[in-house]
PDB file of N, CA and C in Angstrom:
ATOM      1  N   MET A   1      10.183  -5.892  -2.932  1.00  0.00           N
ATOM      2  CA  MET A   1       9.244  -6.197  -1.862  1.00  0.00           C
ATOM      3  C   MET A   1       7.959  -6.180  -2.809  1.00  0.00           C
ATOM      4  N   ARG A   2       7.057  -6.442  -1.928  1.00  0.00           N
ATOM      5  CA  ARG A   2       5.905  -6.515  -2.924  1.00  0.00           C
ATOM      6  C   ARG A   2       4.780  -6.009  -1.326  1.00  0.00           C
ATOM      7  N   ILE A   3       3.720  -5.421  -2.134  1.00  0.00           N
ATOM      8  CA  ILE A   3       2.486  -4.929  -1.158  1.00  0.00           C
ATOM      9  C   ILE A   3       1.173  -5.566  -0.805  1.00  0.00           C
ATOM     10  N   HIS A   4       0.957  -6.152   0.173  1.00  0.00           N
ATOM     11  CA  HIS A   4      -0.292  -6.655   0.328  1.00  0.00           C
ATOM     12  C   HIS A   4      -0.850  -6.005   1.060  1.00  0.00           C
ATOM     13  N   VAL A   5      -2.390  -5.969   0.135  1.00  0.00           N
ATOM     14  CA  VAL A   5      -3.669  -5.035   0.966  1.00  0.00           C
ATOM     15  C   VAL A   5      -4.323  -6.336   1.881  1.00  0.00           C
ATOM     16  N   ASP A   6      -4.992  -6.197   3.025  1.00  0.00           N
ATOM     17  CA  ASP A   6      -6.034  -7.352   3.500  1.00  0.00           C
ATOM     18  C   ASP A   6      -7.192  -6.451   2.527  1.00  0.00           C
ATOM     19  N   LEU A   7      -7.820  -6.983   2.287  1.00  0.00           N
ATOM     20  CA  LEU A   7      -9.157  -5.890   1.197  1.00  0.00           C
ATOM     21  C   LEU A   7     -10.370  -5.766   2.707  1.00  0.00           C
ATOM     22  N   ASN A   8     -10.464  -7.156   3.201  1.00  0.00           N
ATOM     23  CA  ASN A   8     -11.224  -7.496   4.163  1.00  0.00           C
ATOM     24  C   ASN A   8     -10.906  -6.408   5.840  1.00  0.00           C
ATOM     25  N   ARG A   9     -10.088  -5.684   5.600  1.00  0.00           N
ATOM     26  CA  ARG A   9     -10.113  -4.843   6.610  1.00  0.00           C
ATOM     27  C   ARG A   9      -9.593  -3.523   6.333  1.00  0.00           C
ATOM     28  N   CYS A  10      -9.375  -3.058   5.059  1.00  0.00           N
ATOM     29  CA  CYS A  10      -9.565  -1.896   4.389  1.00  0.00           C
ATOM     30  C   CYS A  10     -10.709  -1.461   4.677  1.00  0.00           C
ATOM     31  N   GLU A  11     -10.544  -0.090   5.162  1.00  0.00           N
ATOM     32  CA  GLU A  11     -12.131   0.748   4.737  1.00  0.00           C
ATOM     33  C   GLU A  11     -11.589   1.989   4.333  1.00  0.00           C
ATOM     34  N   SER A  12     -10.846   2.345   3.328  1.00  0.00           N
ATOM     35  CA  SER A  12     -10.672   2.751   2.061  1.00  0.00           C
ATOM     36  C   SER A  12     -10.167   4.690   2.496  1.00  0.00           C
ATOM     37  N   HIS A  13      -9.647   4.498   4.353  1.00  0.00           N
ATOM     38  CA  HIS A  13      -9.318   5.843   4.570  1.00  0.00           C
ATOM     39  C   HIS A  13      -8.783   6.672   3.654  1.00  0.00           C
ATOM     40  N   GLY A  14      -8.376   6.244   3.024  1.00  0.00           N
ATOM     41  CA  GLY A  14      -6.662   6.947   1.694  1.00  0.00           C
ATOM     42  C   GLY A  14      -5.951   7.576   2.063  1.00  0.00           C
ATOM     43  N   GLN A  15      -4.797   7.271   3.466  1.00  0.00           N
ATOM     44  CA  GLN A  15      -3.518   7.868   4.028  1.00  0.00           C
ATOM     45  C   GLN A  15      -2.680   6.953   2.626  1.00  0.00           C
ATOM     46  N   CYS A  16      -3.496   5.868   2.670  1.00  0.00           N
ATOM     47  CA  CYS A  16      -2.180   5.147   1.253  1.00  0.00           C
ATOM     48  C   CYS A  16      -2.098   5.890  -0.144  1.00  0.00           C
ATOM     49  N   VAL A  17      -3.502   6.541  -0.650  1.00  0.00           N
ATOM     50  CA  VAL A  17      -3.302   7.338  -1.581  1.00  0.00           C
ATOM     51  C   VAL A  17      -2.427   7.810  -1.214  1.00  0.00           C
ATOM     52  N   PHE A  18      -2.640   9.134  -0.055  1.00  0.00           N
ATOM     53  CA  PHE A  18      -1.908  10.248  -0.573  1.00  0.00           C
ATOM     54  C   PHE A  18      -0.979  10.338  -0.570  1.00  0.00           C
ATOM     55  N   ALA A  19      -0.113   8.777   0.261  1.00  0.00           N
ATOM     56  CA  ALA A  19       1.552   8.640   0.755  1.00  0.00           C
ATOM     57  C   ALA A  19       2.268   8.007  -0.770  1.00  0.00           C
ATOM     58  N   ALA A  20       1.479   7.506  -1.074  1.00  0.00           N
ATOM     59  CA  ALA A  20       2.284   6.999  -2.488  1.00  0.00           C
ATOM     60  C   ALA A  20       1.411   6.698  -3.700  1.00  0.00           C
ATOM     61  N   PRO A  21       0.484   8.064  -4.354  1.00  0.00           N
ATOM     62  CA  PRO A  21      -0.164   8.002  -4.994  1.00  0.00           C
ATOM     63  C   PRO A  21      -0.071   7.216  -6.400  1.00  0.00           C
ATOM     64  N   ASP A  22       1.022   6.937  -7.104  1.00  0.00           N
ATOM     65  CA  ASP A  22       1.641   5.970  -7.970  1.00  0.00           C
ATOM     66  C   ASP A  22       1.560   4.464  -7.366  1.00  0.00           C
ATOM     67  N   HIS A  23       0.990   4.199  -6.163  1.00  0.00           N
ATOM     68  CA  HIS A  23       0.972   2.516  -5.845  1.00  0.00           C
ATOM     69  C   HIS A  23      -0.172   2.128  -5.754  1.00  0.00           C
ATOM     70  N   PHE A  24      -1.286   3.025  -5.042  1.00  0.00           N
ATOM     71  CA  PHE A  24      -2.585   3.352  -4.361  1.00  0.00           C
ATOM     72  C   PHE A  24      -3.213   4.083  -5.024  1.00  0.00           C
ATOM     73  N   SER A  25      -4.219   3.807  -5.225  1.00  0.00           N
ATOM     74  CA  SER A  25      -5.704   4.413  -5.861  1.00  0.00           C
ATOM     75  C   SER A  25      -6.829   3.968  -5.478  1.00  0.00           C
ATOM     76  N   PHE A  26      -7.516   4.427  -5.840  1.00  0.00           N
ATOM     77  CA  PHE A  26      -9.491   3.989  -5.844  1.00  0.00           C
ATOM     78  C   PHE A  26     -10.132   4.060  -6.917  1.00  0.00           C
ATOM     79  N   ASP A  27     -10.708   2.982  -6.784  1.00  0.00           N
ATOM     80  CA  ASP A  27     -11.571   3.018  -8.180  1.00  0.00           C
ATOM     81  C   ASP A  27     -13.014   3.651  -8.386  1.00  0.00           C
ATOM     82  N   GLU A  28     -13.774   4.043  -9.109  1.00  0.00           N
ATOM     83  CA  GLU A  28     -14.961   4.543  -9.319  1.00  0.00           C
ATOM     84  C   GLU A  28     -15.999   4.146  -8.001  1.00  0.00           C
ATOM     85  N   ASP A  29     -15.644   3.036  -7.453  1.00  0.00           N
ATOM     86  CA  ASP A  29     -16.796   2.497  -6.600  1.00  0.00           C
ATOM     87  C   ASP A  29     -15.836   2.763  -5.402  1.00  0.00           C
ATOM     88  N   ASP A  30     -15.254   3.581  -4.571  1.00  0.00           N
ATOM     89  CA  ASP A  30     -14.067   3.870  -4.415  1.00  0.00           C
ATOM     90  C   ASP A  30     -13.328   2.524  -2.987  1.00  0.00           C
ATOM     91  N   ASN A  31     -13.275   1.547  -4.426  1.00  0.00           N
ATOM     92  CA  ASN A  31     -12.587   0.479  -4.113  1.00  0.00           C
ATOM     93  C   ASN A  31     -10.904   0.472  -4.109  1.00  0.00           C
ATOM     94  N   LEU A  32     -10.292   0.288  -2.848  1.00  0.00           N
ATOM     95  CA  LEU A  32      -8.491   0.624  -3.169  1.00  0.00           C
ATOM     96  C   LEU A  32      -8.415  -0.721  -4.066  1.00  0.00           C
ATOM     97  N   LEU A  33      -7.504   0.348  -5.254  1.00  0.00           N
ATOM     98  CA  LEU A  33      -6.652  -0.613  -6.037  1.00  0.00           C
ATOM     99  C   LEU A  33      -4.814  -0.608  -5.434  1.00  0.00           C
ATOM    100  N   HIS A  34      -4.287  -1.493  -5.768  1.00  0.00           N
ATOM    101  CA  HIS A  34      -2.649  -1.283  -5.633  1.00  0.00           C
ATOM    102  C   HIS A  34      -2.123  -1.580  -6.581  1.00  0.00           C
ATOM    103  N   ARG A  35      -0.575  -1.671  -6.825  1.00  0.00           N
ATOM    104  CA  ARG A  35       0.205  -2.442  -7.111  1.00  0.00           C
ATOM    105  C   ARG A  35       0.857  -3.260  -6.635  1.00  0.00           C
ATOM    106  N   GLU A  36       1.212  -4.473  -6.813  1.00  0.00           N
ATOM    107  CA  GLU A  36       1.732  -4.994  -5.593  1.00  0.00           C
ATOM    108  C   GLU A  36       3.223  -5.161  -6.013  1.00  0.00           C
ATOM    109  N   ASP A  37       4.017  -4.748  -6.966  1.00  0.00           N
ATOM    110  CA  ASP A  37       5.205  -4.969  -6.838  1.00  0.00           C
ATOM    111  C   ASP A  37       5.802  -3.351  -6.815  1.00  0.00           C
ATOM    112  N   VAL A  38       6.946  -3.049  -5.969  1.00  0.00           N
ATOM    113  CA  VAL A  38       7.625  -2.133  -5.865  1.00  0.00           C
ATOM    114  C   VAL A  38       8.673  -2.234  -6.584  1.00  0.00           C
ATOM    115  N   PRO A  39       9.423  -1.298  -7.524  1.00  0.00           N
ATOM    116  CA  PRO A  39      10.612  -1.341  -8.076  1.00  0.00           C
ATOM    117  C   PRO A  39      11.821  -1.118  -6.425  1.00  0.00           C
ATOM    118  N   GLU A  40      12.951  -1.310  -7.435  1.00  0.00           N
ATOM    119  CA  GLU A  40      13.948  -1.293  -6.601  1.00  0.00           C
ATOM    120  C   GLU A  40      14.801   0.363  -5.678  1.00  0.00           C
ATOM    121  N   ASP A  41      14.064   1.453  -6.537  1.00  0.00           N
ATOM    122  CA  ASP A  41      14.019   2.261  -6.163  1.00  0.00           C
ATOM    123  C   ASP A  41      13.888   3.235  -4.245  1.00  0.00           C
ATOM    124  N   GLU A  42      14.836   3.493  -4.310  1.00  0.00           N
ATOM    125  CA  GLU A  42      14.183   3.666  -2.153  1.00  0.00           C
ATOM    126  C   GLU A  42      13.524   4.796  -2.453  1.00  0.00           C
ATOM    127  N   THR A  43      13.497   5.768  -3.036  1.00  0.00           N
ATOM    128  CA  THR A  43      12.359   6.898  -3.199  1.00  0.00           C
ATOM    129  C   THR A  43      11.127   6.790  -3.057  1.00  0.00           C
ATOM    130  N   VAL A  44      10.682   5.202  -3.872  1.00  0.00           N
ATOM    131  CA  VAL A  44       9.366   4.785  -3.880  1.00  0.00           C
ATOM    132  C   VAL A  44       9.307   3.891  -2.637  1.00  0.00           C
ATOM    133  N   ARG A  45      10.457   3.395  -2.150  1.00  0.00           N
ATOM    134  CA  ARG A  45       9.509   2.663  -1.137  1.00  0.00           C
ATOM    135  C   ARG A  45       9.670   2.954  -0.033  1.00  0.00           C
ATOM    136  N   ALA A  46      10.402   4.178   0.093  1.00  0.00           N
ATOM    137  CA  ALA A  46       9.758   4.964   1.553  1.00  0.00           C
ATOM    138  C   ALA A  46       8.784   5.375   1.843  1.00  0.00           C
ATOM    139  N   ALA A  47       8.221   6.017   0.562  1.00  0.00           N
ATOM    140  CA  ALA A  47       7.109   6.161   0.206  1.00  0.00           C
ATOM    141  C   ALA A  47       5.688   4.904   0.614  1.00  0.00           C
ATOM    142  N   VAL A  48       5.958   4.072  -0.308  1.00  0.00           N
ATOM    143  CA  VAL A  48       5.423   2.665   0.624  1.00  0.00           C
ATOM    144  C   VAL A  48       5.302   1.969   1.824  1.00  0.00           C
ATOM    145  N   ARG A  49       6.801   2.336   2.516  1.00  0.00           N
ATOM    146  CA  ARG A  49       6.271   2.107   3.296  1.00  0.00           C
ATOM    147  C   ARG A  49       5.501   3.033   4.863  1.00  0.00           C
ATOM    148  N   GLU A  50       6.019   4.470   4.314  1.00  0.00           N
ATOM    149  CA  GLU A  50       5.281   5.354   5.019  1.00  0.00           C
ATOM    150  C   GLU A  50       3.527   5.237   4.200  1.00  0.00           C
ATOM    151  N   ALA A  51       3.169   4.642   3.440  1.00  0.00           N
ATOM    152  CA  ALA A  51       1.482   4.592   3.126  1.00  0.00           C
ATOM    153  C   ALA A  51       1.754   3.118   3.794  1.00  0.00           C
ATOM    154  N   ALA A  52       2.419   2.302   4.326  1.00  0.00           N
ATOM    155  CA  ALA A  52       1.409   1.294   4.902  1.00  0.00           C
ATOM    156  C   ALA A  52       1.733   1.747   6.444  1.00  0.00           C
ATOM    157  N   ALA A  53       2.349   2.662   6.960  1.00  0.00           N
ATOM    158  CA  ALA A  53       2.387   3.096   8.382  1.00  0.00           C
ATOM    159  C   ALA A  53       1.009   3.472   8.713  1.00  0.00           C
ATOM    160  N   ALA A  54       1.226   5.033   7.579  1.00  0.00           N
ATOM    161  CA  ALA A  54      -0.345   5.297   7.867  1.00  0.00           C
ATOM    162  C   ALA A  54      -1.674   4.878   7.991  1.00  0.00           C
ATOM    163  N   CYS A  55      -1.725   3.657   7.280  1.00  0.00           N
ATOM    164  CA  CYS A  55      -2.883   2.819   7.108  1.00  0.00           C
ATOM    165  C   CYS A  55      -3.953   3.235   8.622  1.00  0.00           C
ATOM    166  N   PRO A  56      -4.665   3.802   9.249  1.00  0.00           N
ATOM    167  CA  PRO A  56      -4.680   3.665  10.224  1.00  0.00           C
ATOM    168  C   PRO A  56      -5.494   2.253  10.829  1.00  0.00           C
ATOM    169  N   VAL A  57      -6.064   1.155   9.868  1.00  0.00           N
ATOM    170  CA  VAL A  57      -6.630  -0.245  10.470  1.00  0.00           C
ATOM    171  C   VAL A  57      -5.759  -1.174   9.888  1.00  0.00           C
ATOM    172  N   ARG A  58      -4.262  -0.759   9.610  1.00  0.00           N
ATOM    173  CA  ARG A  58      -3.177  -1.639   9.416  1.00  0.00           C
ATOM    174  C   ARG A  58      -3.715  -2.733   8.334  1.00  0.00           C
ATOM    175  N   ALA A  59      -4.323  -2.286   7.520  1.00  0.00           N
ATOM    176  CA  ALA A  59      -4.512  -3.501   6.026  1.00  0.00           C
ATOM    177  C   ALA A  59      -3.383  -3.648   5.418  1.00  0.00           C
ATOM    178  N   ILE A  60      -2.324  -2.542   5.262  1.00  0.00           N
ATOM    179  CA  ILE A  60      -1.070  -2.650   4.232  1.00  0.00           C
ATOM    180  C   ILE A  60       0.194  -3.375   5.136  1.00  0.00           C
ATOM    181  N   SER A  61       0.228  -4.568   4.278  1.00  0.00           N
ATOM    182  CA  SER A  61       1.794  -5.364   4.464  1.00  0.00           C
ATOM    183  C   SER A  61       2.703  -5.200   3.266  1.00  0.00           C
ATOM    184  N   LEU A  62       4.033  -5.174   3.758  1.00  0.00           N
ATOM    185  CA  LEU A  62       5.006  -5.384   2.711  1.00  0.00           C
ATOM    186  C   LEU A  62       5.903  -6.124   3.410  1.00  0.00           C
ATOM    187  N   ARG A  63       6.057  -7.285   1.993  1.00  0.00           N
ATOM    188  CA  ARG A  63       6.566  -8.365   1.905  1.00  0.00           C
ATOM    189  C   ARG A  63       7.959  -8.225   1.328  1.00  0.00           C
ATOM    190  N   THR A  64       8.948  -9.128   1.460  1.00  0.00           N
ATOM    191  CA  THR A  64      10.135  -9.352   0.939  1.00  0.00           C
ATOM    192  C   THR A  64      10.492 -10.882   0.309  1.00  0.00           C
ATOM    193  N   ASP A  65      10.521 -11.641  -0.271  1.00  0.00           N
ATOM    194  CA  ASP A  65      10.841 -12.744  -0.465  1.00  0.00           C
ATOM    195  C   ASP A  65      10.094 -13.347   0.210  1.00  0.00           C
ATOM    196  N   GLY A  66       8.812 -13.675   0.803  1.00  0.00           N
ATOM    197  CA  GLY A  66       7.717 -14.226   1.479  1.00  0.00           C
ATOM    198  C   GLY A  66       7.440 -14.087   2.951  1.00  0.00           C
ATOM    199  N   ALA A  67       8.400 -13.008   3.110  1.00  0.00           N
ATOM    200  CA  ALA A  67       8.472 -12.549   4.839  1.00  0.00           C
ATOM    201  C   ALA A  67       8.103 -11.218   4.691  1.00  0.00           C
ATOM    202  N   VAL A  68       7.255 -10.794   5.910  1.00  0.00           N
ATOM    203  CA  VAL A  68       6.640  -9.553   5.729  1.00  0.00           C
ATOM    204  C   VAL A  68       8.192  -8.471   6.216  1.00  0.00           C
ATOM    205  N   ALA A  69       8.215  -7.175   5.534  1.00  0.00           N
ATOM    206  CA  ALA A  69       9.623  -6.643   5.240  1.00  0.00           C
ATOM    207  C   ALA A  69       9.015  -5.143   6.716  1.00  0.00           C
TER     208      ALA A  69
END
């Protein structure tokens, strides 16, 4: 699974940072940083799915082998 963030859509609400802080954070200018690859661990994947679902502007999508997860 890979994380894709549409940075043009992201408004830095931070819901993803609260849901999956190991995969999302902000830099010193409040720009979103994220890890693209998600490990096979189902607990981690559940947190990343929750982060994507929590995004109020739907800027986060999850992909597996090129397809949206």
